[in-house]
Structure formats: C-alpha cells, structure tokens
N, C-alpha and C. Protein backbone atom coordinates (compact mmCIF):
# COMPACT_ATOMS: atom_id res chain seq x y z
N GLY A 1 12.65 4.31 -0.13
CA GLY A 1 13.26 5.62 -0.14
C GLY A 1 12.29 6.67 -0.63
N GLU A 2 12.76 7.89 -0.64
CA GLU A 2 11.94 9.00 -1.12
C GLU A 2 11.96 9.04 -2.64
N LEU A 3 10.80 9.33 -3.20
CA LEU A 3 10.65 9.41 -4.65
C LEU A 3 10.30 10.84 -5.05
N LEU A 4 10.67 11.19 -6.26
CA LEU A 4 10.35 12.47 -6.85
C LEU A 4 9.75 12.19 -8.22
N ALA A 5 8.61 12.79 -8.52
CA ALA A 5 8.00 12.65 -9.84
C ALA A 5 8.03 14.00 -10.53
N MET A 6 8.35 13.97 -11.82
CA MET A 6 8.38 15.18 -12.63
C MET A 6 7.54 14.95 -13.87
N GLY A 7 6.61 15.87 -14.11
CA GLY A 7 5.78 15.80 -15.30
C GLY A 7 6.25 16.80 -16.32
N HIS A 8 6.06 16.48 -17.59
CA HIS A 8 6.60 17.30 -18.66
C HIS A 8 5.52 17.68 -19.67
N TYR A 9 5.82 18.71 -20.45
CA TYR A 9 4.89 19.17 -21.48
C TYR A 9 4.69 18.14 -22.59
N ASP A 10 5.67 17.24 -22.75
CA ASP A 10 5.52 16.22 -23.79
C ASP A 10 4.73 15.00 -23.31
N GLY A 11 4.20 15.06 -22.08
CA GLY A 11 3.40 13.97 -21.55
C GLY A 11 4.18 12.92 -20.79
N LEU A 12 5.49 13.05 -20.72
CA LEU A 12 6.30 12.07 -19.99
C LEU A 12 6.30 12.37 -18.49
N ILE A 13 6.33 11.30 -17.71
CA ILE A 13 6.44 11.39 -16.26
C ILE A 13 7.69 10.61 -15.87
N ASN A 14 8.62 11.27 -15.20
CA ASN A 14 9.83 10.60 -14.71
C ASN A 14 9.72 10.44 -13.21
N ILE A 15 10.04 9.25 -12.72
CA ILE A 15 10.04 8.97 -11.29
C ILE A 15 11.48 8.66 -10.89
N TRP A 16 11.97 9.43 -9.93
CA TRP A 16 13.37 9.36 -9.50
C TRP A 16 13.47 8.89 -8.06
N ASP A 17 14.55 8.17 -7.76
CA ASP A 17 14.94 7.88 -6.38
C ASP A 17 15.78 9.07 -5.92
N VAL A 18 15.31 9.77 -4.89
CA VAL A 18 15.96 11.01 -4.46
C VAL A 18 17.36 10.74 -3.93
N ALA A 19 17.54 9.72 -3.11
CA ALA A 19 18.83 9.46 -2.46
C ALA A 19 19.93 9.14 -3.47
N SER A 20 19.61 8.32 -4.46
CA SER A 20 20.64 7.89 -5.41
C SER A 20 20.67 8.74 -6.68
N GLY A 21 19.60 9.50 -6.92
CA GLY A 21 19.51 10.27 -8.16
C GLY A 21 19.23 9.41 -9.38
N THR A 22 18.76 8.19 -9.14
CA THR A 22 18.50 7.24 -10.22
C THR A 22 17.10 7.41 -10.78
N LEU A 23 17.01 7.44 -12.10
CA LEU A 23 15.71 7.43 -12.77
C LEU A 23 15.16 6.02 -12.69
N LEU A 24 14.04 5.84 -11.99
CA LEU A 24 13.46 4.52 -11.79
C LEU A 24 12.51 4.12 -12.90
N ARG A 25 11.77 5.09 -13.41
CA ARG A 25 10.73 4.74 -14.37
C ARG A 25 10.32 5.98 -15.15
N THR A 26 9.95 5.76 -16.40
CA THR A 26 9.34 6.79 -17.22
C THR A 26 7.99 6.26 -17.70
N ILE A 27 6.97 7.08 -17.52
CA ILE A 27 5.61 6.73 -17.95
C ILE A 27 5.22 7.73 -19.04
N ALA A 28 4.71 7.22 -20.15
CA ALA A 28 4.29 8.08 -21.25
C ALA A 28 2.78 8.28 -21.22
N THR A 29 2.36 9.53 -21.29
CA THR A 29 0.94 9.86 -21.39
C THR A 29 0.73 10.67 -22.66
N GLU A 30 -0.52 10.98 -22.95
CA GLU A 30 -0.82 11.67 -24.20
C GLU A 30 -1.12 13.16 -24.03
N ALA A 31 -0.99 13.67 -22.80
CA ALA A 31 -1.33 15.08 -22.57
C ALA A 31 -0.31 15.71 -21.63
N VAL A 32 -0.22 17.02 -21.69
CA VAL A 32 0.67 17.77 -20.80
C VAL A 32 0.37 17.41 -19.35
N VAL A 33 1.41 17.13 -18.58
CA VAL A 33 1.25 16.81 -17.16
C VAL A 33 1.32 18.13 -16.38
N GLN A 34 0.24 18.47 -15.71
CA GLN A 34 0.13 19.75 -15.04
C GLN A 34 0.26 19.66 -13.53
N SER A 35 -0.07 18.51 -12.95
CA SER A 35 0.00 18.35 -11.50
C SER A 35 0.26 16.88 -11.17
N LEU A 36 0.87 16.65 -10.00
CA LEU A 36 1.22 15.30 -9.57
C LEU A 36 1.04 15.20 -8.06
N ALA A 37 0.71 13.99 -7.60
CA ALA A 37 0.64 13.73 -6.15
C ALA A 37 0.86 12.25 -5.90
N PHE A 38 1.74 11.95 -4.94
CA PHE A 38 1.91 10.57 -4.49
C PHE A 38 0.90 10.27 -3.39
N SER A 39 0.45 9.02 -3.34
CA SER A 39 -0.35 8.57 -2.20
C SER A 39 0.57 8.51 -0.98
N PRO A 40 -0.01 8.56 0.23
CA PRO A 40 0.82 8.57 1.44
C PRO A 40 1.80 7.41 1.54
N ASP A 41 1.43 6.24 1.05
CA ASP A 41 2.34 5.09 1.13
C ASP A 41 3.27 4.99 -0.07
N GLY A 42 3.14 5.91 -1.03
CA GLY A 42 4.02 5.94 -2.19
C GLY A 42 3.71 4.92 -3.27
N SER A 43 2.64 4.17 -3.12
CA SER A 43 2.34 3.13 -4.10
C SER A 43 1.62 3.66 -5.33
N LEU A 44 0.95 4.81 -5.21
CA LEU A 44 0.19 5.39 -6.31
C LEU A 44 0.70 6.79 -6.63
N LEU A 45 0.58 7.16 -7.90
CA LEU A 45 0.89 8.50 -8.34
C LEU A 45 -0.30 9.00 -9.16
N ALA A 46 -0.87 10.12 -8.76
CA ALA A 46 -1.95 10.74 -9.52
C ALA A 46 -1.34 11.84 -10.39
N THR A 47 -1.78 11.91 -11.64
CA THR A 47 -1.32 12.95 -12.55
C THR A 47 -2.52 13.69 -13.11
N GLY A 48 -2.45 15.01 -13.08
CA GLY A 48 -3.50 15.85 -13.64
C GLY A 48 -3.03 16.43 -14.96
N HIS A 49 -3.91 16.43 -15.93
CA HIS A 49 -3.52 16.83 -17.28
C HIS A 49 -4.26 18.09 -17.73
N SER A 50 -3.72 18.71 -18.77
CA SER A 50 -4.23 20.00 -19.20
C SER A 50 -5.21 19.87 -20.35
N TYR A 51 -5.33 20.92 -21.09
CA TYR A 51 -6.40 21.13 -22.06
C TYR A 51 -6.60 20.02 -23.08
N GLU A 52 -5.60 19.17 -23.31
CA GLU A 52 -5.81 18.11 -24.30
C GLU A 52 -6.94 17.17 -23.89
N ASP A 53 -7.00 16.86 -22.57
CA ASP A 53 -8.06 15.93 -22.14
C ASP A 53 -8.64 16.24 -20.75
N ASN A 54 -7.97 17.07 -19.96
CA ASN A 54 -8.46 17.46 -18.62
C ASN A 54 -8.71 16.27 -17.71
N LEU A 55 -7.98 15.19 -17.90
CA LEU A 55 -8.18 13.96 -17.13
C LEU A 55 -7.22 13.88 -15.95
N ILE A 56 -7.56 12.99 -15.03
CA ILE A 56 -6.67 12.58 -13.96
C ILE A 56 -6.39 11.10 -14.19
N ASN A 57 -5.12 10.74 -14.16
CA ASN A 57 -4.72 9.33 -14.23
C ASN A 57 -4.11 8.94 -12.89
N VAL A 58 -4.40 7.74 -12.44
CA VAL A 58 -3.79 7.22 -11.22
C VAL A 58 -2.99 5.99 -11.61
N TRP A 59 -1.71 6.01 -11.28
CA TRP A 59 -0.75 5.00 -11.72
C TRP A 59 -0.23 4.19 -10.54
N TRP A 60 0.05 2.91 -10.77
CA TRP A 60 0.83 2.10 -9.84
C TRP A 60 2.29 2.50 -10.04
N VAL A 61 2.94 2.99 -9.00
CA VAL A 61 4.31 3.48 -9.13
C VAL A 61 5.27 2.35 -9.50
N ASP A 62 5.22 1.22 -8.81
CA ASP A 62 6.18 0.14 -9.04
C ASP A 62 6.10 -0.42 -10.46
N ALA A 63 4.90 -0.59 -10.97
CA ALA A 63 4.73 -1.20 -12.30
C ALA A 63 4.68 -0.16 -13.42
N GLY A 64 4.35 1.08 -13.07
CA GLY A 64 4.16 2.09 -14.09
C GLY A 64 2.90 1.88 -14.89
N SER A 65 1.96 1.12 -14.32
CA SER A 65 0.72 0.81 -15.04
C SER A 65 -0.43 1.66 -14.53
N LEU A 66 -1.40 1.86 -15.38
CA LEU A 66 -2.55 2.70 -15.07
C LEU A 66 -3.56 1.95 -14.22
N LEU A 67 -3.91 2.52 -13.07
CA LEU A 67 -4.96 1.95 -12.21
C LEU A 67 -6.32 2.42 -12.69
N THR A 68 -6.46 3.74 -12.89
CA THR A 68 -7.76 4.28 -13.29
C THR A 68 -7.59 5.66 -13.92
N THR A 69 -8.59 6.06 -14.68
CA THR A 69 -8.67 7.40 -15.25
C THR A 69 -9.94 8.05 -14.74
N LEU A 70 -9.81 9.31 -14.31
CA LEU A 70 -10.93 10.04 -13.72
C LEU A 70 -11.26 11.25 -14.59
N PRO A 71 -12.36 11.20 -15.34
CA PRO A 71 -12.81 12.37 -16.10
C PRO A 71 -13.70 13.24 -15.22
N GLY A 72 -13.96 14.46 -15.65
CA GLY A 72 -14.92 15.25 -14.90
C GLY A 72 -14.63 16.73 -14.84
N HIS A 73 -13.40 17.14 -15.15
CA HIS A 73 -13.10 18.57 -15.17
C HIS A 73 -13.23 19.10 -16.60
N ASP A 74 -13.57 20.38 -16.71
CA ASP A 74 -13.74 21.01 -18.02
C ASP A 74 -12.54 21.86 -18.43
N ALA A 75 -11.50 21.87 -17.61
CA ALA A 75 -10.26 22.57 -17.92
C ALA A 75 -9.12 21.81 -17.24
N GLY A 76 -7.91 22.29 -17.42
CA GLY A 76 -6.75 21.59 -16.89
C GLY A 76 -6.82 21.37 -15.38
N VAL A 77 -6.25 20.25 -14.95
CA VAL A 77 -6.23 19.87 -13.53
C VAL A 77 -4.93 20.39 -12.93
N ASP A 78 -5.03 21.41 -12.07
CA ASP A 78 -3.83 22.05 -11.56
C ASP A 78 -3.54 21.77 -10.09
N PHE A 79 -4.35 20.93 -9.43
CA PHE A 79 -4.13 20.62 -8.02
C PHE A 79 -4.58 19.20 -7.73
N LEU A 80 -3.74 18.45 -7.04
CA LEU A 80 -4.07 17.08 -6.61
C LEU A 80 -3.54 16.86 -5.20
N LEU A 81 -4.32 16.17 -4.38
CA LEU A 81 -3.90 15.85 -3.02
C LEU A 81 -4.61 14.59 -2.56
N PHE A 82 -3.84 13.59 -2.11
CA PHE A 82 -4.42 12.39 -1.53
C PHE A 82 -4.78 12.65 -0.07
N SER A 83 -5.82 11.97 0.40
CA SER A 83 -6.18 12.00 1.82
C SER A 83 -5.10 11.26 2.60
N PRO A 84 -5.02 11.47 3.92
CA PRO A 84 -4.00 10.80 4.73
C PRO A 84 -4.03 9.27 4.63
N LEU A 85 -5.20 8.68 4.42
CA LEU A 85 -5.30 7.22 4.29
C LEU A 85 -5.07 6.75 2.85
N GLY A 86 -5.03 7.68 1.91
CA GLY A 86 -4.82 7.32 0.51
C GLY A 86 -6.04 6.78 -0.19
N ASP A 87 -7.20 6.86 0.45
CA ASP A 87 -8.41 6.30 -0.14
C ASP A 87 -9.25 7.34 -0.88
N MET A 88 -8.84 8.60 -0.81
CA MET A 88 -9.53 9.67 -1.52
C MET A 88 -8.50 10.59 -2.16
N LEU A 89 -8.91 11.19 -3.27
CA LEU A 89 -8.07 12.14 -3.98
C LEU A 89 -8.89 13.40 -4.22
N VAL A 90 -8.31 14.54 -3.90
CA VAL A 90 -8.96 15.83 -4.16
C VAL A 90 -8.28 16.45 -5.37
N SER A 91 -9.10 16.96 -6.29
CA SER A 91 -8.55 17.61 -7.48
C SER A 91 -9.18 18.99 -7.65
N GLY A 92 -8.38 19.90 -8.15
CA GLY A 92 -8.85 21.24 -8.47
C GLY A 92 -8.49 21.56 -9.91
N SER A 93 -9.34 22.34 -10.56
CA SER A 93 -9.17 22.61 -11.98
C SER A 93 -9.28 24.10 -12.27
N TYR A 94 -8.71 24.50 -13.40
CA TYR A 94 -8.85 25.87 -13.87
C TYR A 94 -10.29 26.22 -14.19
N ASP A 95 -11.18 25.23 -14.27
CA ASP A 95 -12.60 25.52 -14.49
C ASP A 95 -13.28 26.00 -13.21
N GLY A 96 -12.53 26.06 -12.09
CA GLY A 96 -13.07 26.53 -10.82
C GLY A 96 -13.66 25.44 -9.96
N SER A 97 -13.65 24.21 -10.42
CA SER A 97 -14.26 23.12 -9.66
C SER A 97 -13.23 22.40 -8.79
N VAL A 98 -13.73 21.85 -7.69
CA VAL A 98 -12.95 20.97 -6.82
C VAL A 98 -13.75 19.68 -6.71
N ARG A 99 -13.07 18.55 -6.88
CA ARG A 99 -13.75 17.26 -6.82
C ARG A 99 -13.04 16.35 -5.83
N VAL A 100 -13.82 15.45 -5.24
CA VAL A 100 -13.28 14.43 -4.34
C VAL A 100 -13.60 13.08 -4.94
N TRP A 101 -12.57 12.25 -5.10
CA TRP A 101 -12.68 10.95 -5.75
C TRP A 101 -12.36 9.85 -4.76
N GLY A 102 -13.11 8.77 -4.80
CA GLY A 102 -12.77 7.58 -4.04
C GLY A 102 -11.75 6.77 -4.82
N ILE A 103 -10.68 6.35 -4.15
CA ILE A 103 -9.62 5.57 -4.80
C ILE A 103 -9.58 4.21 -4.13
N ARG A 104 -9.82 3.17 -4.91
CA ARG A 104 -9.80 1.80 -4.38
C ARG A 104 -8.89 0.94 -5.23
N PRO A 105 -7.65 0.77 -4.79
CA PRO A 105 -6.71 -0.06 -5.56
C PRO A 105 -7.13 -1.52 -5.61
C-alpha cells in the first residue's frame, strides 16, 4: 500500500499506512528531521537532518533499521530525491550544495 512518512522537530519519524491510517513504525533519530524521500520501490526512506548534524540517514522501511549515514553537507539538508531506479539519491542543503550519492542496499 501507500506509505506516508512524517518527520518531527524532536527527531522522530512516523511511517503510516495511508489506506488504513495505521501507524506502522516510529524511528527515533537524534536531530530535527527536515526532509524525507522514499525510494521508488518503497523499501528505503532517506531522511535529511538540520543543524545538529547535517546528515542524511537511509533507513530500511520494513525493519526501521539504519542502512547508511551520509555526511557531507555544512548546513541542514532540505531536499532529497531518489533516482527512478533507486540506486542514487540527490540531496540539497541550505549551504547551497547539491550532492549525488550512490545507494547500494
């Protein structure tokens, strides 16, 4: 089904089933969640974080476990987009940079 992810200022990420309105999973992070993007197949969720760490985390949606952390921005990550194949992630930051990351689950 369709999923909805919501990031919060307290670092929590809630993943919902849209059809049923059921909360499927909550993931706790240590920084404000500023941006989110699902991979095309819905198996991964990328989260961009703000000034606390400026990191990108990529999560396995089903398990709620961390696949990888991507450092490299000097300010909050405010834009994330997976490529159509899900093998690359584009990120944009308030520092003015845009980065392309290879994602290999």
